[in-house]
Amino acid sequence: MSAELIAVLAVGVALAGLMLTGLRAVRVEMHDLRSDVGDLRERMARLEGLFEGFTGRARTEPAG
């Protein structure tokens, strides 16, 4: 094998390693974001319930 072929293969392996590391980081960030959105959804539902109790209105579900 020539030195050029070895260099090309080494660069390919290095790039693949960088891509896998980056994808893992993105996956972790997406998990954290979904967790934060879930927490926010729970907090908003609690606030909606408090507002409904405060105003004395019954909750109406949208049609559809």
PDB file of N, CA and C in Angstrom:
ATOM      1  N   MET A   1       0.842  -1.181   0.000  1.00  0.00           N
ATOM      2  CA  MET A   1       0.000   0.000   0.000  1.00  0.00           C
ATOM      3  C   MET A   1       0.884   1.239   0.000  1.00  0.00           C
ATOM      4  N   SER A   2       0.446   2.209  -0.755  1.00  0.00           N
ATOM      5  CA  SER A   2       1.226   3.439  -0.845  1.00  0.00           C
ATOM      6  C   SER A   2       0.914   4.349   0.346  1.00  0.00           C
ATOM      7  N   ALA A   3       1.792   5.307   0.549  1.00  0.00           N
ATOM      8  CA  ALA A   3       1.629   6.239   1.658  1.00  0.00           C
ATOM      9  C   ALA A   3       0.382   7.095   1.458  1.00  0.00           C
ATOM     10  N   GLU A   4       0.059   7.416   0.218  1.00  0.00           N
ATOM     11  CA  GLU A   4      -1.122   8.235  -0.043  1.00  0.00           C
ATOM     12  C   GLU A   4      -2.402   7.506   0.331  1.00  0.00           C
ATOM     13  N   LEU A   5      -2.472   6.227   0.006  1.00  0.00           N
ATOM     14  CA  LEU A   5      -3.649   5.425   0.336  1.00  0.00           C
ATOM     15  C   LEU A   5      -3.808   5.317   1.846  1.00  0.00           C
ATOM     16  N   ILE A   6      -2.718   5.109   2.554  1.00  0.00           N
ATOM     17  CA  ILE A   6      -2.768   5.018   4.012  1.00  0.00           C
ATOM     18  C   ILE A   6      -3.238   6.350   4.603  1.00  0.00           C
ATOM     19  N   ALA A   7      -2.768   7.444   4.060  1.00  0.00           N
ATOM     20  CA  ALA A   7      -3.171   8.765   4.544  1.00  0.00           C
ATOM     21  C   ALA A   7      -4.670   8.995   4.306  1.00  0.00           C
ATOM     22  N   VAL A   8      -5.157   8.625   3.137  1.00  0.00           N
ATOM     23  CA  VAL A   8      -6.576   8.795   2.831  1.00  0.00           C
ATOM     24  C   VAL A   8      -7.418   7.949   3.764  1.00  0.00           C
ATOM     25  N   LEU A   9      -7.029   6.720   4.000  1.00  0.00           N
ATOM     26  CA  LEU A   9      -7.779   5.848   4.905  1.00  0.00           C
ATOM     27  C   LEU A   9      -7.749   6.376   6.339  1.00  0.00           C
ATOM     28  N   ALA A  10      -6.616   6.897   6.772  1.00  0.00           N
ATOM     29  CA  ALA A  10      -6.508   7.447   8.118  1.00  0.00           C
ATOM     30  C   ALA A  10      -7.409   8.667   8.285  1.00  0.00           C
ATOM     31  N   VAL A  11      -7.444   9.513   7.281  1.00  0.00           N
ATOM     32  CA  VAL A  11      -8.318  10.686   7.337  1.00  0.00           C
ATOM     33  C   VAL A  11      -9.775  10.242   7.355  1.00  0.00           C
ATOM     34  N   GLY A  12     -10.123   9.241   6.579  1.00  0.00           N
ATOM     35  CA  GLY A  12     -11.496   8.726   6.570  1.00  0.00           C
ATOM     36  C   GLY A  12     -11.913   8.198   7.931  1.00  0.00           C
ATOM     37  N   VAL A  13     -11.024   7.441   8.569  1.00  0.00           N
ATOM     38  CA  VAL A  13     -11.318   6.902   9.901  1.00  0.00           C
ATOM     39  C   VAL A  13     -11.440   8.035  10.912  1.00  0.00           C
ATOM     40  N   ALA A  14     -10.575   9.033  10.823  1.00  0.00           N
ATOM     41  CA  ALA A  14     -10.637  10.166  11.753  1.00  0.00           C
ATOM     42  C   ALA A  14     -11.941  10.946  11.575  1.00  0.00           C
ATOM     43  N   LEU A  15     -12.339  11.174  10.340  1.00  0.00           N
ATOM     44  CA  LEU A  15     -13.592  11.885  10.094  1.00  0.00           C
ATOM     45  C   LEU A  15     -14.797  11.087  10.587  1.00  0.00           C
ATOM     46  N   ALA A  16     -14.769   9.795  10.397  1.00  0.00           N
ATOM     47  CA  ALA A  16     -15.867   8.959  10.891  1.00  0.00           C
ATOM     48  C   ALA A  16     -15.949   9.032  12.414  1.00  0.00           C
ATOM     49  N   GLY A  17     -14.800   9.024  13.083  1.00  0.00           N
ATOM     50  CA  GLY A  17     -14.794   9.147  14.536  1.00  0.00           C
ATOM     51  C   GLY A  17     -15.349  10.480  14.998  1.00  0.00           C
ATOM     52  N   LEU A  18     -14.991  11.558  14.308  1.00  0.00           N
ATOM     53  CA  LEU A  18     -15.523  12.873  14.656  1.00  0.00           C
ATOM     54  C   LEU A  18     -17.029  12.942  14.437  1.00  0.00           C
ATOM     55  N   MET A  19     -17.508  12.357  13.369  1.00  0.00           N
ATOM     56  CA  MET A  19     -18.942  12.362  13.102  1.00  0.00           C
ATOM     57  C   MET A  19     -19.708  11.590  14.165  1.00  0.00           C
ATOM     58  N   LEU A  20     -19.199  10.454  14.565  1.00  0.00           N
ATOM     59  CA  LEU A  20     -19.882   9.662  15.593  1.00  0.00           C
ATOM     60  C   LEU A  20     -19.899  10.386  16.923  1.00  0.00           C
ATOM     61  N   THR A  21     -18.816  11.052  17.267  1.00  0.00           N
ATOM     62  CA  THR A  21     -18.756  11.817  18.510  1.00  0.00           C
ATOM     63  C   THR A  21     -19.752  12.972  18.468  1.00  0.00           C
ATOM     64  N   GLY A  22     -19.816  13.644  17.334  1.00  0.00           N
ATOM     65  CA  GLY A  22     -20.760  14.755  17.185  1.00  0.00           C
ATOM     66  C   GLY A  22     -22.201  14.295  17.249  1.00  0.00           C
ATOM     67  N   LEU A  23     -22.500  13.175  16.636  1.00  0.00           N
ATOM     68  CA  LEU A  23     -23.859  12.646  16.674  1.00  0.00           C
ATOM     69  C   LEU A  23     -24.257  12.251  18.091  1.00  0.00           C
ATOM     70  N   ARG A  24     -23.326  11.721  18.840  1.00  0.00           N
ATOM     71  CA  ARG A  24     -23.607  11.352  20.233  1.00  0.00           C
ATOM     72  C   ARG A  24     -23.934  12.599  21.044  1.00  0.00           C
ATOM     73  N   ALA A  25     -23.195  13.682  20.824  1.00  0.00           N
ATOM     74  CA  ALA A  25     -23.444  14.929  21.538  1.00  0.00           C
ATOM     75  C   ALA A  25     -24.813  15.499  21.159  1.00  0.00           C
ATOM     76  N   VAL A  26     -25.169  15.421  19.888  1.00  0.00           N
ATOM     77  CA  VAL A  26     -26.479  15.905  19.450  1.00  0.00           C
ATOM     78  C   VAL A  26     -27.584  15.076  20.084  1.00  0.00           C
ATOM     79  N   ARG A  27     -27.395  13.781  20.171  1.00  0.00           N
ATOM     80  CA  ARG A  27     -28.394  12.901  20.776  1.00  0.00           C
ATOM     81  C   ARG A  27     -28.610  13.244  22.243  1.00  0.00           C
ATOM     82  N   VAL A  28     -27.532  13.535  22.966  1.00  0.00           N
ATOM     83  CA  VAL A  28     -27.644  13.921  24.371  1.00  0.00           C
ATOM     84  C   VAL A  28     -28.383  15.251  24.499  1.00  0.00           C
ATOM     85  N   GLU A  29     -28.053  16.213  23.638  1.00  0.00           N
ATOM     86  CA  GLU A  29     -28.726  17.513  23.675  1.00  0.00           C
ATOM     87  C   GLU A  29     -30.215  17.367  23.371  1.00  0.00           C
ATOM     88  N   MET A  30     -30.580  16.526  22.423  1.00  0.00           N
ATOM     89  CA  MET A  30     -31.988  16.310  22.098  1.00  0.00           C
ATOM     90  C   MET A  30     -32.721  15.694  23.284  1.00  0.00           C
ATOM     91  N   HIS A  31     -32.094  14.761  23.972  1.00  0.00           N
ATOM     92  CA  HIS A  31     -32.712  14.147  25.149  1.00  0.00           C
ATOM     93  C   HIS A  31     -32.945  15.200  26.224  1.00  0.00           C
ATOM     94  N   ASP A  32     -31.959  16.048  26.455  1.00  0.00           N
ATOM     95  CA  ASP A  32     -32.106  17.111  27.455  1.00  0.00           C
ATOM     96  C   ASP A  32     -33.212  18.078  27.061  1.00  0.00           C
ATOM     97  N   LEU A  33     -33.295  18.411  25.782  1.00  0.00           N
ATOM     98  CA  LEU A  33     -34.319  19.332  25.304  1.00  0.00           C
ATOM     99  C   LEU A  33     -35.708  18.741  25.479  1.00  0.00           C
ATOM    100  N   ARG A  34     -35.870  17.472  25.152  1.00  0.00           N
ATOM    101  CA  ARG A  34     -37.173  16.820  25.327  1.00  0.00           C
ATOM    102  C   ARG A  34     -37.562  16.780  26.796  1.00  0.00           C
ATOM    103  N   SER A  35     -36.610  16.542  27.654  1.00  0.00           N
ATOM    104  CA  SER A  35     -36.877  16.542  29.094  1.00  0.00           C
ATOM    105  C   SER A  35     -37.320  17.916  29.554  1.00  0.00           C
ATOM    106  N   ASP A  36     -36.631  18.958  29.083  1.00  0.00           N
ATOM    107  CA  ASP A  36     -36.990  20.327  29.467  1.00  0.00           C
ATOM    108  C   ASP A  36     -38.368  20.706  28.942  1.00  0.00           C
ATOM    109  N   VAL A  37     -38.699  20.299  27.735  1.00  0.00           N
ATOM    110  CA  VAL A  37     -40.016  20.593  27.173  1.00  0.00           C
ATOM    111  C   VAL A  37     -41.096  19.866  27.964  1.00  0.00           C
ATOM    112  N   GLY A  38     -40.834  18.649  28.375  1.00  0.00           N
ATOM    113  CA  GLY A  38     -41.796  17.913  29.197  1.00  0.00           C
ATOM    114  C   GLY A  38     -42.033  18.593  30.534  1.00  0.00           C
ATOM    115  N   ASP A  39     -40.960  19.068  31.146  1.00  0.00           N
ATOM    116  CA  ASP A  39     -41.096  19.801  32.413  1.00  0.00           C
ATOM    117  C   ASP A  39     -41.895  21.079  32.215  1.00  0.00           C
ATOM    118  N   LEU A  40     -41.625  21.778  31.134  1.00  0.00           N
ATOM    119  CA  LEU A  40     -42.351  23.018  30.842  1.00  0.00           C
ATOM    120  C   LEU A  40     -43.831  22.728  30.595  1.00  0.00           C
ATOM    121  N   ARG A  41     -44.119  21.636  29.916  1.00  0.00           N
ATOM    122  CA  ARG A  41     -45.515  21.263  29.657  1.00  0.00           C
ATOM    123  C   ARG A  41     -46.255  21.015  30.965  1.00  0.00           C
ATOM    124  N   GLU A  42     -45.608  20.340  31.903  1.00  0.00           N
ATOM    125  CA  GLU A  42     -46.240  20.087  33.200  1.00  0.00           C
ATOM    126  C   GLU A  42     -46.483  21.388  33.959  1.00  0.00           C
ATOM    127  N   ARG A  43     -45.515  22.290  33.925  1.00  0.00           N
ATOM    128  CA  ARG A  43     -45.672  23.564  34.622  1.00  0.00           C
ATOM    129  C   ARG A  43     -46.787  24.398  34.005  1.00  0.00           C
ATOM    130  N   MET A  44     -46.877  24.389  32.680  1.00  0.00           N
ATOM    131  CA  MET A  44     -47.942  25.150  32.016  1.00  0.00           C
ATOM    132  C   MET A  44     -49.310  24.557  32.341  1.00  0.00           C
ATOM    133  N   ALA A  45     -49.410  23.248  32.389  1.00  0.00           N
ATOM    134  CA  ALA A  45     -50.688  22.611  32.729  1.00  0.00           C
ATOM    135  C   ALA A  45     -51.099  22.988  34.143  1.00  0.00           C
ATOM    136  N   ARG A  46     -50.150  23.050  35.044  1.00  0.00           N
ATOM    137  CA  ARG A  46     -50.456  23.456  36.416  1.00  0.00           C
ATOM    138  C   ARG A  46     -50.958  24.892  36.451  1.00  0.00           C
ATOM    139  N   LEU A  47     -50.299  25.768  35.713  1.00  0.00           N
ATOM    140  CA  LEU A  47     -50.746  27.160  35.665  1.00  0.00           C
ATOM    141  C   LEU A  47     -52.130  27.289  35.035  1.00  0.00           C
ATOM    142  N   GLU A  48     -52.389  26.519  33.992  1.00  0.00           N
ATOM    143  CA  GLU A  48     -53.711  26.559  33.375  1.00  0.00           C
ATOM    144  C   GLU A  48     -54.774  26.132  34.369  1.00  0.00           C
ATOM    145  N   GLY A  49     -54.482  25.107  35.143  1.00  0.00           N
ATOM    146  CA  GLY A  49     -55.431  24.661  36.156  1.00  0.00           C
ATOM    147  C   GLY A  49     -55.668  25.726  37.210  1.00  0.00           C
ATOM    148  N   LEU A  50     -54.607  26.407  37.615  1.00  0.00           N
ATOM    149  CA  LEU A  50     -54.767  27.469  38.601  1.00  0.00           C
ATOM    150  C   LEU A  50     -55.605  28.610  38.048  1.00  0.00           C
ATOM    151  N   PHE A  51     -55.382  28.982  36.798  1.00  0.00           N
ATOM    152  CA  PHE A  51     -56.171  30.050  36.189  1.00  0.00           C
ATOM    153  C   PHE A  51     -57.638  29.652  36.051  1.00  0.00           C
ATOM    154  N   GLU A  52     -57.890  28.400  35.696  1.00  0.00           N
ATOM    155  CA  GLU A  52     -59.271  27.941  35.578  1.00  0.00           C
ATOM    156  C   GLU A  52     -59.962  27.995  36.930  1.00  0.00           C
ATOM    157  N   GLY A  53     -59.263  27.594  37.981  1.00  0.00           N
ATOM    158  CA  GLY A  53     -59.841  27.666  39.319  1.00  0.00           C
ATOM    159  C   GLY A  53     -60.061  29.098  39.750  1.00  0.00           C
ATOM    160  N   PHE A  54     -59.170  29.987  39.375  1.00  0.00           N
ATOM    161  CA  PHE A  54     -59.267  31.383  39.761  1.00  0.00           C
ATOM    162  C   PHE A  54     -60.439  32.071  39.073  1.00  0.00           C
ATOM    163  N   THR A  55     -60.625  31.776  37.793  1.00  0.00           N
ATOM    164  CA  THR A  55     -61.704  32.431  37.053  1.00  0.00           C
ATOM    165  C   THR A  55     -63.033  31.710  37.213  1.00  0.00           C
ATOM    166  N   GLY A  56     -63.015  30.482  37.675  1.00  0.00           N
ATOM    167  CA  GLY A  56     -64.258  29.730  37.861  1.00  0.00           C
ATOM    168  C   GLY A  56     -64.844  29.192  36.575  1.00  0.00           C
ATOM    169  N   ARG A  57     -64.045  29.153  35.512  1.00  0.00           N
ATOM    170  CA  ARG A  57     -64.520  28.630  34.231  1.00  0.00           C
ATOM    171  C   ARG A  57     -64.264  27.146  34.147  1.00  0.00           C
ATOM    172  N   ALA A  58     -65.124  26.478  33.394  1.00  0.00           N
ATOM    173  CA  ALA A  58     -64.905  25.064  33.076  1.00  0.00           C
ATOM    174  C   ALA A  58     -64.007  25.009  31.854  1.00  0.00           C
ATOM    175  N   ARG A  59     -63.197  23.990  31.772  1.00  0.00           N
ATOM    176  CA  ARG A  59     -62.282  23.853  30.650  1.00  0.00           C
ATOM    177  C   ARG A  59     -63.061  23.386  29.432  1.00  0.00           C
ATOM    178  N   THR A  60     -62.826  24.015  28.301  1.00  0.00           N
ATOM    179  CA  THR A  60     -63.453  23.597  27.053  1.00  0.00           C
ATOM    180  C   THR A  60     -62.381  23.039  26.142  1.00  0.00           C
ATOM    181  N   GLU A  61     -62.639  21.865  25.632  1.00  0.00           N
ATOM    182  CA  GLU A  61     -61.708  21.199  24.720  1.00  0.00           C
ATOM    183  C   GLU A  61     -61.982  21.667  23.302  1.00  0.00           C
ATOM    184  N   PRO A  62     -60.951  21.926  22.523  1.00  0.00           N
ATOM    185  CA  PRO A  62     -61.179  22.314  21.130  1.00  0.00           C
ATOM    186  C   PRO A  62     -61.730  21.153  20.322  1.00  0.00           C
ATOM    187  N   ALA A  63     -62.615  21.456  19.401  1.00  0.00           N
ATOM    188  CA  ALA A  63     -63.205  20.420  18.531  1.00  0.00           C
ATOM    189  C   ALA A  63     -62.161  19.940  17.543  1.00  0.00           C
ATOM    190  N   GLY A  64     -62.155  18.644  17.330  1.00  0.00           N
ATOM    191  CA  GLY A  64     -61.252  18.174  16.298  1.00  0.00           C
ATOM    192  C   GLY A  64     -60.507  17.019  16.721  1.00  0.00           C
TER     193      GLY A  64
END
